[in-house]
Amino acid sequence: AAAVVVYGISHVGAAQCGSVTPVRLALAGAAMNAMLFAII
């Protein structure tokens, strides 16, 4: 579920750059990690 959400977040705005970029993917993953571990 987390992987799907991260990919979905990183896909936002991908139409402008043509694909999911590595930077966008890393940032989405970092944000997901921070949020979930805070809730935990």
PDB file of all heavy atoms in Angstrom:
ATOM      1  N   ALA A   1       0.825  -1.205   0.000  1.00  0.00           N
ATOM      2  CA  ALA A   1       0.000   0.000   0.000  1.00  0.00           C
ATOM      3  C   ALA A   1       0.860   1.255   0.000  1.00  0.00           C
ATOM      4  O   ALA A   1       0.578   2.224  -0.726  1.00  0.00           O
ATOM      5  CB  ALA A   1      -0.928  -0.011   1.212  1.00  0.00           C
ATOM      6  N   ALA A   2       1.919   1.250   0.803  1.00  0.00           N
ATOM      7  CA  ALA A   2       2.801   2.417   0.860  1.00  0.00           C
ATOM      8  C   ALA A   2       3.487   2.655  -0.484  1.00  0.00           C
ATOM      9  O   ALA A   2       3.619   3.802  -0.934  1.00  0.00           O
ATOM     10  CB  ALA A   2       3.848   2.232   1.959  1.00  0.00           C
ATOM     11  N   ALA A   3       3.919   1.573  -1.133  1.00  0.00           N
ATOM     12  CA  ALA A   3       4.576   1.716  -2.431  1.00  0.00           C
ATOM     13  C   ALA A   3       3.629   2.300  -3.474  1.00  0.00           C
ATOM     14  O   ALA A   3       4.013   3.142  -4.282  1.00  0.00           O
ATOM     15  CB  ALA A   3       5.108   0.359  -2.897  1.00  0.00           C
ATOM     16  N   VAL A   4       2.378   1.853  -3.443  1.00  0.00           N
ATOM     17  CA  VAL A   4       1.376   2.377  -4.392  1.00  0.00           C
ATOM     18  C   VAL A   4       1.139   3.863  -4.149  1.00  0.00           C
ATOM     19  O   VAL A   4       1.079   4.665  -5.097  1.00  0.00           O
ATOM     20  CB  VAL A   4       0.058   1.589  -4.268  1.00  0.00           C
ATOM     21  CG1 VAL A   4      -1.050   2.276  -5.065  1.00  0.00           C
ATOM     22  CG2 VAL A   4       0.248   0.162  -4.764  1.00  0.00           C
ATOM     23  N   VAL A   5       1.010   4.255  -2.882  1.00  0.00           N
ATOM     24  CA  VAL A   5       0.769   5.665  -2.560  1.00  0.00           C
ATOM     25  C   VAL A   5       1.967   6.525  -2.962  1.00  0.00           C
ATOM     26  O   VAL A   5       1.811   7.614  -3.528  1.00  0.00           O
ATOM     27  CB  VAL A   5       0.465   5.826  -1.055  1.00  0.00           C
ATOM     28  CG1 VAL A   5       0.383   7.300  -0.681  1.00  0.00           C
ATOM     29  CG2 VAL A   5      -0.834   5.123  -0.707  1.00  0.00           C
ATOM     30  N   VAL A   6       3.173   6.049  -2.665  1.00  0.00           N
ATOM     31  CA  VAL A   6       4.377   6.801  -3.030  1.00  0.00           C
ATOM     32  C   VAL A   6       4.454   6.991  -4.536  1.00  0.00           C
ATOM     33  O   VAL A   6       4.750   8.085  -5.036  1.00  0.00           O
ATOM     34  CB  VAL A   6       5.641   6.083  -2.509  1.00  0.00           C
ATOM     35  CG1 VAL A   6       6.898   6.661  -3.154  1.00  0.00           C
ATOM     36  CG2 VAL A   6       5.731   6.212  -1.001  1.00  0.00           C
ATOM     37  N   TYR A   7       4.174   5.919  -5.272  1.00  0.00           N
ATOM     38  CA  TYR A   7       4.219   6.041  -6.727  1.00  0.00           C
ATOM     39  C   TYR A   7       3.129   6.986  -7.222  1.00  0.00           C
ATOM     40  O   TYR A   7       3.345   7.775  -8.151  1.00  0.00           O
ATOM     41  CB  TYR A   7       4.044   4.671  -7.382  1.00  0.00           C
ATOM     42  CG  TYR A   7       4.213   4.722  -8.883  1.00  0.00           C
ATOM     43  CD1 TYR A   7       5.481   4.771  -9.445  1.00  0.00           C
ATOM     44  CD2 TYR A   7       3.103   4.739  -9.734  1.00  0.00           C
ATOM     45  CE1 TYR A   7       5.647   4.830 -10.815  1.00  0.00           C
ATOM     46  CE2 TYR A   7       3.263   4.806 -11.104  1.00  0.00           C
ATOM     47  CZ  TYR A   7       4.541   4.847 -11.639  1.00  0.00           C
ATOM     48  OH  TYR A   7       4.700   4.924 -12.993  1.00  0.00           O
ATOM     49  N   GLY A   8       1.948   6.924  -6.600  1.00  0.00           N
ATOM     50  CA  GLY A   8       0.880   7.825  -6.996  1.00  0.00           C
ATOM     51  C   GLY A   8       1.231   9.282  -6.757  1.00  0.00           C
ATOM     52  O   GLY A   8       0.976  10.153  -7.596  1.00  0.00           O
ATOM     53  N   ILE A   9       1.846   9.565  -5.591  1.00  0.00           N
ATOM     54  CA  ILE A   9       2.261  10.939  -5.282  1.00  0.00           C
ATOM     55  C   ILE A   9       3.326  11.414  -6.271  1.00  0.00           C
ATOM     56  O   ILE A   9       3.271  12.536  -6.777  1.00  0.00           O
ATOM     57  CB  ILE A   9       2.788  11.027  -3.840  1.00  0.00           C
ATOM     58  CG1 ILE A   9       1.668  10.740  -2.838  1.00  0.00           C
ATOM     59  CG2 ILE A   9       3.403  12.396  -3.569  1.00  0.00           C
ATOM     60  CD1 ILE A   9       2.142  10.644  -1.400  1.00  0.00           C
ATOM     61  N   SER A  10       4.295  10.557  -6.543  1.00  0.00           N
ATOM     62  CA  SER A  10       5.373  10.948  -7.457  1.00  0.00           C
ATOM     63  C   SER A  10       4.885  11.108  -8.881  1.00  0.00           C
ATOM     64  O   SER A  10       5.520  11.777  -9.701  1.00  0.00           O
ATOM     65  CB  SER A  10       6.499   9.912  -7.403  1.00  0.00           C
ATOM     66  OG  SER A  10       6.033   8.641  -7.847  1.00  0.00           O
ATOM     67  N   HIS A  11       3.733  10.478  -9.192  1.00  0.00           N
ATOM     68  CA  HIS A  11       3.184  10.560 -10.537  1.00  0.00           C
ATOM     69  C   HIS A  11       2.464  11.882 -10.771  1.00  0.00           C
ATOM     70  O   HIS A  11       2.218  12.279 -11.913  1.00  0.00           O
ATOM     71  CB  HIS A  11       2.222   9.390 -10.777  1.00  0.00           C
ATOM     72  CG  HIS A  11       1.880   9.172 -12.218  1.00  0.00           C
ATOM     73  ND1 HIS A  11       0.869   9.846 -12.856  1.00  0.00           N
ATOM     74  CD2 HIS A  11       2.440   8.366 -13.158  1.00  0.00           C
ATOM     75  CE1 HIS A  11       0.798   9.447 -14.116  1.00  0.00           C
ATOM     76  NE2 HIS A  11       1.746   8.561 -14.325  1.00  0.00           N
ATOM     77  N   VAL A  12       2.105  12.599  -9.691  1.00  0.00           N
ATOM     78  CA  VAL A  12       1.418  13.882  -9.825  1.00  0.00           C
ATOM     79  C   VAL A  12       2.345  14.872 -10.527  1.00  0.00           C
ATOM     80  O   VAL A  12       3.469  15.107 -10.107  1.00  0.00           O
ATOM     81  CB  VAL A  12       1.011  14.428  -8.441  1.00  0.00           C
ATOM     82  CG1 VAL A  12       0.410  15.825  -8.592  1.00  0.00           C
ATOM     83  CG2 VAL A  12       0.036  13.479  -7.774  1.00  0.00           C
ATOM     84  N   GLY A  13       1.885  15.420 -11.573  1.00  0.00           N
ATOM     85  CA  GLY A  13       2.709  16.364 -12.331  1.00  0.00           C
ATOM     86  C   GLY A  13       3.663  15.702 -13.287  1.00  0.00           C
ATOM     87  O   GLY A  13       4.452  16.377 -13.948  1.00  0.00           O
ATOM     88  N   ALA A  14       3.606  14.359 -13.404  1.00  0.00           N
ATOM     89  CA  ALA A  14       4.537  13.675 -14.302  1.00  0.00           C
ATOM     90  C   ALA A  14       4.246  13.970 -15.764  1.00  0.00           C
ATOM     91  O   ALA A  14       5.091  13.776 -16.616  1.00  0.00           O
ATOM     92  CB  ALA A  14       4.483  12.160 -14.067  1.00  0.00           C
ATOM     93  N   ALA A  15       3.036  14.427 -16.047  1.00  0.00           N
ATOM     94  CA  ALA A  15       2.698  14.730 -17.439  1.00  0.00           C
ATOM     95  C   ALA A  15       3.594  15.827 -17.995  1.00  0.00           C
ATOM     96  O   ALA A  15       3.897  15.849 -19.184  1.00  0.00           O
ATOM     97  CB  ALA A  15       1.232  15.152 -17.525  1.00  0.00           C
ATOM     98  N   GLN A  16       4.033  16.754 -17.124  1.00  0.00           N
ATOM     99  CA  GLN A  16       4.876  17.838 -17.593  1.00  0.00           C
ATOM    100  C   GLN A  16       6.290  17.378 -17.937  1.00  0.00           C
ATOM    101  O   GLN A  16       6.930  17.920 -18.817  1.00  0.00           O
ATOM    102  CB  GLN A  16       4.965  18.953 -16.536  1.00  0.00           C
ATOM    103  CG  GLN A  16       3.703  19.803 -16.414  1.00  0.00           C
ATOM    104  CD  GLN A  16       2.587  19.087 -15.677  1.00  0.00           C
ATOM    105  OE1 GLN A  16       2.832  18.125 -14.952  1.00  0.00           O
ATOM    106  NE2 GLN A  16       1.358  19.559 -15.864  1.00  0.00           N
ATOM    107  N   CYS A  17       6.787  16.355 -17.198  1.00  0.00           N
ATOM    108  CA  CYS A  17       8.162  15.896 -17.427  1.00  0.00           C
ATOM    109  C   CYS A  17       8.211  14.593 -18.204  1.00  0.00           C
ATOM    110  O   CYS A  17       9.291  14.115 -18.531  1.00  0.00           O
ATOM    111  CB  CYS A  17       8.904  15.734 -16.097  1.00  0.00           C
ATOM    112  SG  CYS A  17       8.175  14.520 -14.998  1.00  0.00           S
ATOM    113  N   GLY A  18       7.066  13.995 -18.468  1.00  0.00           N
ATOM    114  CA  GLY A  18       7.033  12.814 -19.315  1.00  0.00           C
ATOM    115  C   GLY A  18       7.085  11.511 -18.571  1.00  0.00           C
ATOM    116  O   GLY A  18       6.704  10.481 -19.095  1.00  0.00           O
ATOM    117  N   SER A  19       7.546  11.503 -17.339  1.00  0.00           N
ATOM    118  CA  SER A  19       7.628  10.265 -16.575  1.00  0.00           C
ATOM    119  C   SER A  19       7.862  10.601 -15.117  1.00  0.00           C
ATOM    120  O   SER A  19       8.088  11.754 -14.745  1.00  0.00           O
ATOM    121  CB  SER A  19       8.767   9.367 -17.089  1.00  0.00           C
ATOM    122  OG  SER A  19      10.018   9.993 -16.896  1.00  0.00           O
ATOM    123  N   VAL A  20       7.826   9.574 -14.293  1.00  0.00           N
ATOM    124  CA  VAL A  20       8.125   9.748 -12.874  1.00  0.00           C
ATOM    125  C   VAL A  20       9.631   9.867 -12.728  1.00  0.00           C
ATOM    126  O   VAL A  20      10.365   8.934 -13.043  1.00  0.00           O
ATOM    127  CB  VAL A  20       7.597   8.556 -12.060  1.00  0.00           C
ATOM    128  CG1 VAL A  20       7.983   8.708 -10.602  1.00  0.00           C
ATOM    129  CG2 VAL A  20       6.092   8.440 -12.209  1.00  0.00           C
ATOM    130  N   THR A  21      10.105  11.014 -12.263  1.00  0.00           N
ATOM    131  CA  THR A  21      11.541  11.230 -12.171  1.00  0.00           C
ATOM    132  C   THR A  21      12.099  10.627 -10.884  1.00  0.00           C
ATOM    133  O   THR A  21      11.378  10.490  -9.887  1.00  0.00           O
ATOM    134  CB  THR A  21      11.860  12.734 -12.202  1.00  0.00           C
ATOM    135  OG1 THR A  21      11.299  13.346 -11.027  1.00  0.00           O
ATOM    136  CG2 THR A  21      11.286  13.389 -13.442  1.00  0.00           C
ATOM    137  N   PRO A  22      13.393  10.281 -10.870  1.00  0.00           N
ATOM    138  CA  PRO A  22      13.998   9.741  -9.646  1.00  0.00           C
ATOM    139  C   PRO A  22      13.898  10.688  -8.465  1.00  0.00           C
ATOM    140  O   PRO A  22      13.678  10.253  -7.336  1.00  0.00           O
ATOM    141  CB  PRO A  22      15.464   9.519 -10.065  1.00  0.00           C
ATOM    142  CG  PRO A  22      15.414   9.336 -11.545  1.00  0.00           C
ATOM    143  CD  PRO A  22      14.304  10.233 -12.016  1.00  0.00           C
ATOM    144  N   VAL A  23      14.057  11.997  -8.720  1.00  0.00           N
ATOM    145  CA  VAL A  23      13.993  12.970  -7.623  1.00  0.00           C
ATOM    146  C   VAL A  23      12.593  13.006  -7.017  1.00  0.00           C
ATOM    147  O   VAL A  23      12.423  12.982  -5.798  1.00  0.00           O
ATOM    148  CB  VAL A  23      14.400  14.368  -8.128  1.00  0.00           C
ATOM    149  CG1 VAL A  23      14.173  15.406  -7.031  1.00  0.00           C
ATOM    150  CG2 VAL A  23      15.848  14.372  -8.575  1.00  0.00           C
ATOM    151  N   ARG A  24      11.580  13.048  -7.882  1.00  0.00           N
ATOM    152  CA  ARG A  24      10.196  13.085  -7.390  1.00  0.00           C
ATOM    153  C   ARG A  24       9.877  11.809  -6.595  1.00  0.00           C
ATOM    154  O   ARG A  24       9.196  11.852  -5.565  1.00  0.00           O
ATOM    155  CB  ARG A  24       9.230  13.249  -8.563  1.00  0.00           C
ATOM    156  CG  ARG A  24       7.769  13.322  -8.126  1.00  0.00           C
ATOM    157  CD  ARG A  24       6.849  13.583  -9.297  1.00  0.00           C
ATOM    158  NE  ARG A  24       6.830  15.009  -9.623  1.00  0.00           N
ATOM    159  CZ  ARG A  24       7.382  15.536 -10.705  1.00  0.00           C
ATOM    160  NH1 ARG A  24       8.017  14.757 -11.565  1.00  0.00           N
ATOM    161  NH2 ARG A  24       7.312  16.828 -10.931  1.00  0.00           N
ATOM    162  N   LEU A  25      10.364  10.668  -7.063  1.00  0.00           N
ATOM    163  CA  LEU A  25      10.131   9.404  -6.377  1.00  0.00           C
ATOM    164  C   LEU A  25      10.783   9.395  -5.000  1.00  0.00           C
ATOM    165  O   LEU A  25      10.176   8.978  -4.004  1.00  0.00           O
ATOM    166  CB  LEU A  25      10.678   8.252  -7.224  1.00  0.00           C
ATOM    167  CG  LEU A  25      10.426   6.837  -6.723  1.00  0.00           C
ATOM    168  CD1 LEU A  25       8.944   6.520  -6.716  1.00  0.00           C
ATOM    169  CD2 LEU A  25      11.171   5.841  -7.602  1.00  0.00           C
ATOM    170  N   ALA A  26      12.037   9.885  -4.920  1.00  0.00           N
ATOM    171  CA  ALA A  26      12.743   9.915  -3.636  1.00  0.00           C
ATOM    172  C   ALA A  26      12.071  10.859  -2.650  1.00  0.00           C
ATOM    173  O   ALA A  26      11.942  10.554  -1.461  1.00  0.00           O
ATOM    174  CB  ALA A  26      14.199  10.325  -3.858  1.00  0.00           C
ATOM    175  N   LEU A  27      11.622  12.018  -3.129  1.00  0.00           N
ATOM    176  CA  LEU A  27      10.965  12.980  -2.256  1.00  0.00           C
ATOM    177  C   LEU A  27       9.628  12.446  -1.739  1.00  0.00           C
ATOM    178  O   LEU A  27       9.288  12.623  -0.561  1.00  0.00           O
ATOM    179  CB  LEU A  27      10.744  14.298  -3.002  1.00  0.00           C
ATOM    180  CG  LEU A  27      12.009  15.112  -3.317  1.00  0.00           C
ATOM    181  CD1 LEU A  27      11.657  16.332  -4.151  1.00  0.00           C
ATOM    182  CD2 LEU A  27      12.731  15.512  -2.039  1.00  0.00           C
ATOM    183  N   ALA A  28       8.875  11.788  -2.612  1.00  0.00           N
ATOM    184  CA  ALA A  28       7.597  11.213  -2.184  1.00  0.00           C
ATOM    185  C   ALA A  28       7.818  10.127  -1.139  1.00  0.00           C
ATOM    186  O   ALA A  28       7.085  10.030  -0.152  1.00  0.00           O
ATOM    187  CB  ALA A  28       6.848  10.648  -3.392  1.00  0.00           C
ATOM    188  N   GLY A  29       8.848   9.305  -1.347  1.00  0.00           N
ATOM    189  CA  GLY A  29       9.158   8.263  -0.371  1.00  0.00           C
ATOM    190  C   GLY A  29       9.597   8.833   0.959  1.00  0.00           C
ATOM    191  O   GLY A  29       9.195   8.332   2.023  1.00  0.00           O
ATOM    192  N   ALA A  30      10.416   9.879   0.933  1.00  0.00           N
ATOM    193  CA  ALA A  30      10.862  10.505   2.177  1.00  0.00           C
ATOM    194  C   ALA A  30       9.685  11.105   2.943  1.00  0.00           C
ATOM    195  O   ALA A  30       9.606  10.992   4.171  1.00  0.00           O
ATOM    196  CB  ALA A  30      11.897  11.587   1.869  1.00  0.00           C
ATOM    197  N   ALA A  31       8.770  11.735   2.216  1.00  0.00           N
ATOM    198  CA  ALA A  31       7.596  12.310   2.867  1.00  0.00           C
ATOM    199  C   ALA A  31       6.723  11.224   3.495  1.00  0.00           C
ATOM    200  O   ALA A  31       6.226  11.377   4.616  1.00  0.00           O
ATOM    201  CB  ALA A  31       6.784  13.115   1.848  1.00  0.00           C
ATOM    202  N   MET A  32       6.551  10.122   2.781  1.00  0.00           N
ATOM    203  CA  MET A  32       5.750   9.012   3.302  1.00  0.00           C
ATOM    204  C   MET A  32       6.395   8.421   4.549  1.00  0.00           C
ATOM    205  O   MET A  32       5.717   8.145   5.552  1.00  0.00           O
ATOM    206  CB  MET A  32       5.597   7.938   2.221  1.00  0.00           C
ATOM    207  CG  MET A  32       4.831   6.701   2.668  1.00  0.00           C
ATOM    208  SD  MET A  32       3.118   7.058   3.122  1.00  0.00           S
ATOM    209  CE  MET A  32       2.453   7.527   1.522  1.00  0.00           C
ATOM    210  N   ASN A  33       7.709   8.227   4.522  1.00  0.00           N
ATOM    211  CA  ASN A  33       8.413   7.694   5.690  1.00  0.00           C
ATOM    212  C   ASN A  33       8.222   8.591   6.903  1.00  0.00           C
ATOM    213  O   ASN A  33       7.921   8.120   8.008  1.00  0.00           O
ATOM    214  CB  ASN A  33       9.905   7.553   5.376  1.00  0.00           C
ATOM    215  CG  ASN A  33      10.214   6.327   4.555  1.00  0.00           C
ATOM    216  OD1 ASN A  33       9.543   5.308   4.662  1.00  0.00           O
ATOM    217  ND2 ASN A  33      11.232   6.407   3.711  1.00  0.00           N
ATOM    218  N   ALA A  34       8.414   9.888   6.709  1.00  0.00           N
ATOM    219  CA  ALA A  34       8.304  10.830   7.828  1.00  0.00           C
ATOM    220  C   ALA A  34       6.899  10.817   8.421  1.00  0.00           C
ATOM    221  O   ALA A  34       6.728  10.798   9.650  1.00  0.00           O
ATOM    222  CB  ALA A  34       8.674  12.234   7.352  1.00  0.00           C
ATOM    223  N   MET A  35       5.892  10.826   7.562  1.00  0.00           N
ATOM    224  CA  MET A  35       4.516  10.871   8.046  1.00  0.00           C
ATOM    225  C   MET A  35       4.135   9.597   8.795  1.00  0.00           C
ATOM    226  O   MET A  35       3.589   9.642   9.906  1.00  0.00           O
ATOM    227  CB  MET A  35       3.559  11.084   6.873  1.00  0.00           C
ATOM    228  CG  MET A  35       2.091  11.185   7.288  1.00  0.00           C
ATOM    229  SD  MET A  35       0.975  11.295   5.884  1.00  0.00           S
ATOM    230  CE  MET A  35       1.129   9.634   5.207  1.00  0.00           C
ATOM    231  N   LEU A  36       4.422   8.439   8.200  1.00  0.00           N
ATOM    232  CA  LEU A  36       4.009   7.174   8.808  1.00  0.00           C
ATOM    233  C   LEU A  36       4.751   6.906  10.113  1.00  0.00           C
ATOM    234  O   LEU A  36       4.151   6.445  11.093  1.00  0.00           O
ATOM    235  CB  LEU A  36       4.223   6.020   7.829  1.00  0.00           C
ATOM    236  CG  LEU A  36       3.306   6.003   6.607  1.00  0.00           C
ATOM    237  CD1 LEU A  36       3.577   4.769   5.751  1.00  0.00           C
ATOM    238  CD2 LEU A  36       1.840   6.025   7.034  1.00  0.00           C
ATOM    239  N   PHE A  37       6.053   7.190  10.151  1.00  0.00           N
ATOM    240  CA  PHE A  37       6.796   6.946  11.389  1.00  0.00           C
ATOM    241  C   PHE A  37       6.368   7.917  12.492  1.00  0.00           C
ATOM    242  O   PHE A  37       6.443   7.577  13.680  1.00  0.00           O
ATOM    243  CB  PHE A  37       8.295   7.034  11.139  1.00  0.00           C
ATOM    244  CG  PHE A  37       8.873   5.781  10.543  1.00  0.00           C
ATOM    245  CD1 PHE A  37       9.578   5.815   9.362  1.00  0.00           C
ATOM    246  CD2 PHE A  37       8.698   4.552  11.176  1.00  0.00           C
ATOM    247  CE1 PHE A  37      10.107   4.653   8.806  1.00  0.00           C
ATOM    248  CE2 PHE A  37       9.221   3.384  10.635  1.00  0.00           C
ATOM    249  CZ  PHE A  37       9.927   3.439   9.442  1.00  0.00           C
ATOM    250  N   ALA A  38       5.917   9.103  12.126  1.00  0.00           N
ATOM    251  CA  ALA A  38       5.385  10.038  13.132  1.00  0.00           C
ATOM    252  C   ALA A  38       4.094   9.487  13.731  1.00  0.00           C
ATOM    253  O   ALA A  38       3.877   9.547  14.954  1.00  0.00           O
ATOM    254  CB  ALA A  38       5.138  11.406  12.498  1.00  0.00           C
ATOM    255  N   ILE A  39       3.220   8.946  12.887  1.00  0.00           N
ATOM    256  CA  ILE A  39       1.971   8.357  13.381  1.00  0.00           C
ATOM    257  C   ILE A  39       2.270   7.133  14.250  1.00  0.00           C
ATOM    258  O   ILE A  39       1.643   6.930  15.301  1.00  0.00           O
ATOM    259  CB  ILE A  39       1.062   7.972  12.207  1.00  0.00           C
ATOM    260  CG1 ILE A  39       0.669   9.208  11.402  1.00  0.00           C
ATOM    261  CG2 ILE A  39      -0.188   7.252  12.707  1.00  0.00           C
ATOM    262  CD1 ILE A  39      -0.119   8.893  10.144  1.00  0.00           C
ATOM    263  N   ILE A  40       3.227   6.315  13.812  1.00  0.00           N
ATOM    264  CA  ILE A  40       3.614   5.134  14.592  1.00  0.00           C
ATOM    265  C   ILE A  40       4.101   5.555  15.979  1.00  0.00           C
ATOM    266  O   ILE A  40       3.721   4.959  16.996  1.00  0.00           O
ATOM    267  CB  ILE A  40       4.709   4.337  13.854  1.00  0.00           C
ATOM    268  CG1 ILE A  40       4.128   3.665  12.619  1.00  0.00           C
ATOM    269  CG2 ILE A  40       5.338   3.298  14.780  1.00  0.00           C
ATOM    270  CD1 ILE A  40       5.171   3.034  11.720  1.00  0.00           C
TER     271      ILE A  40
END
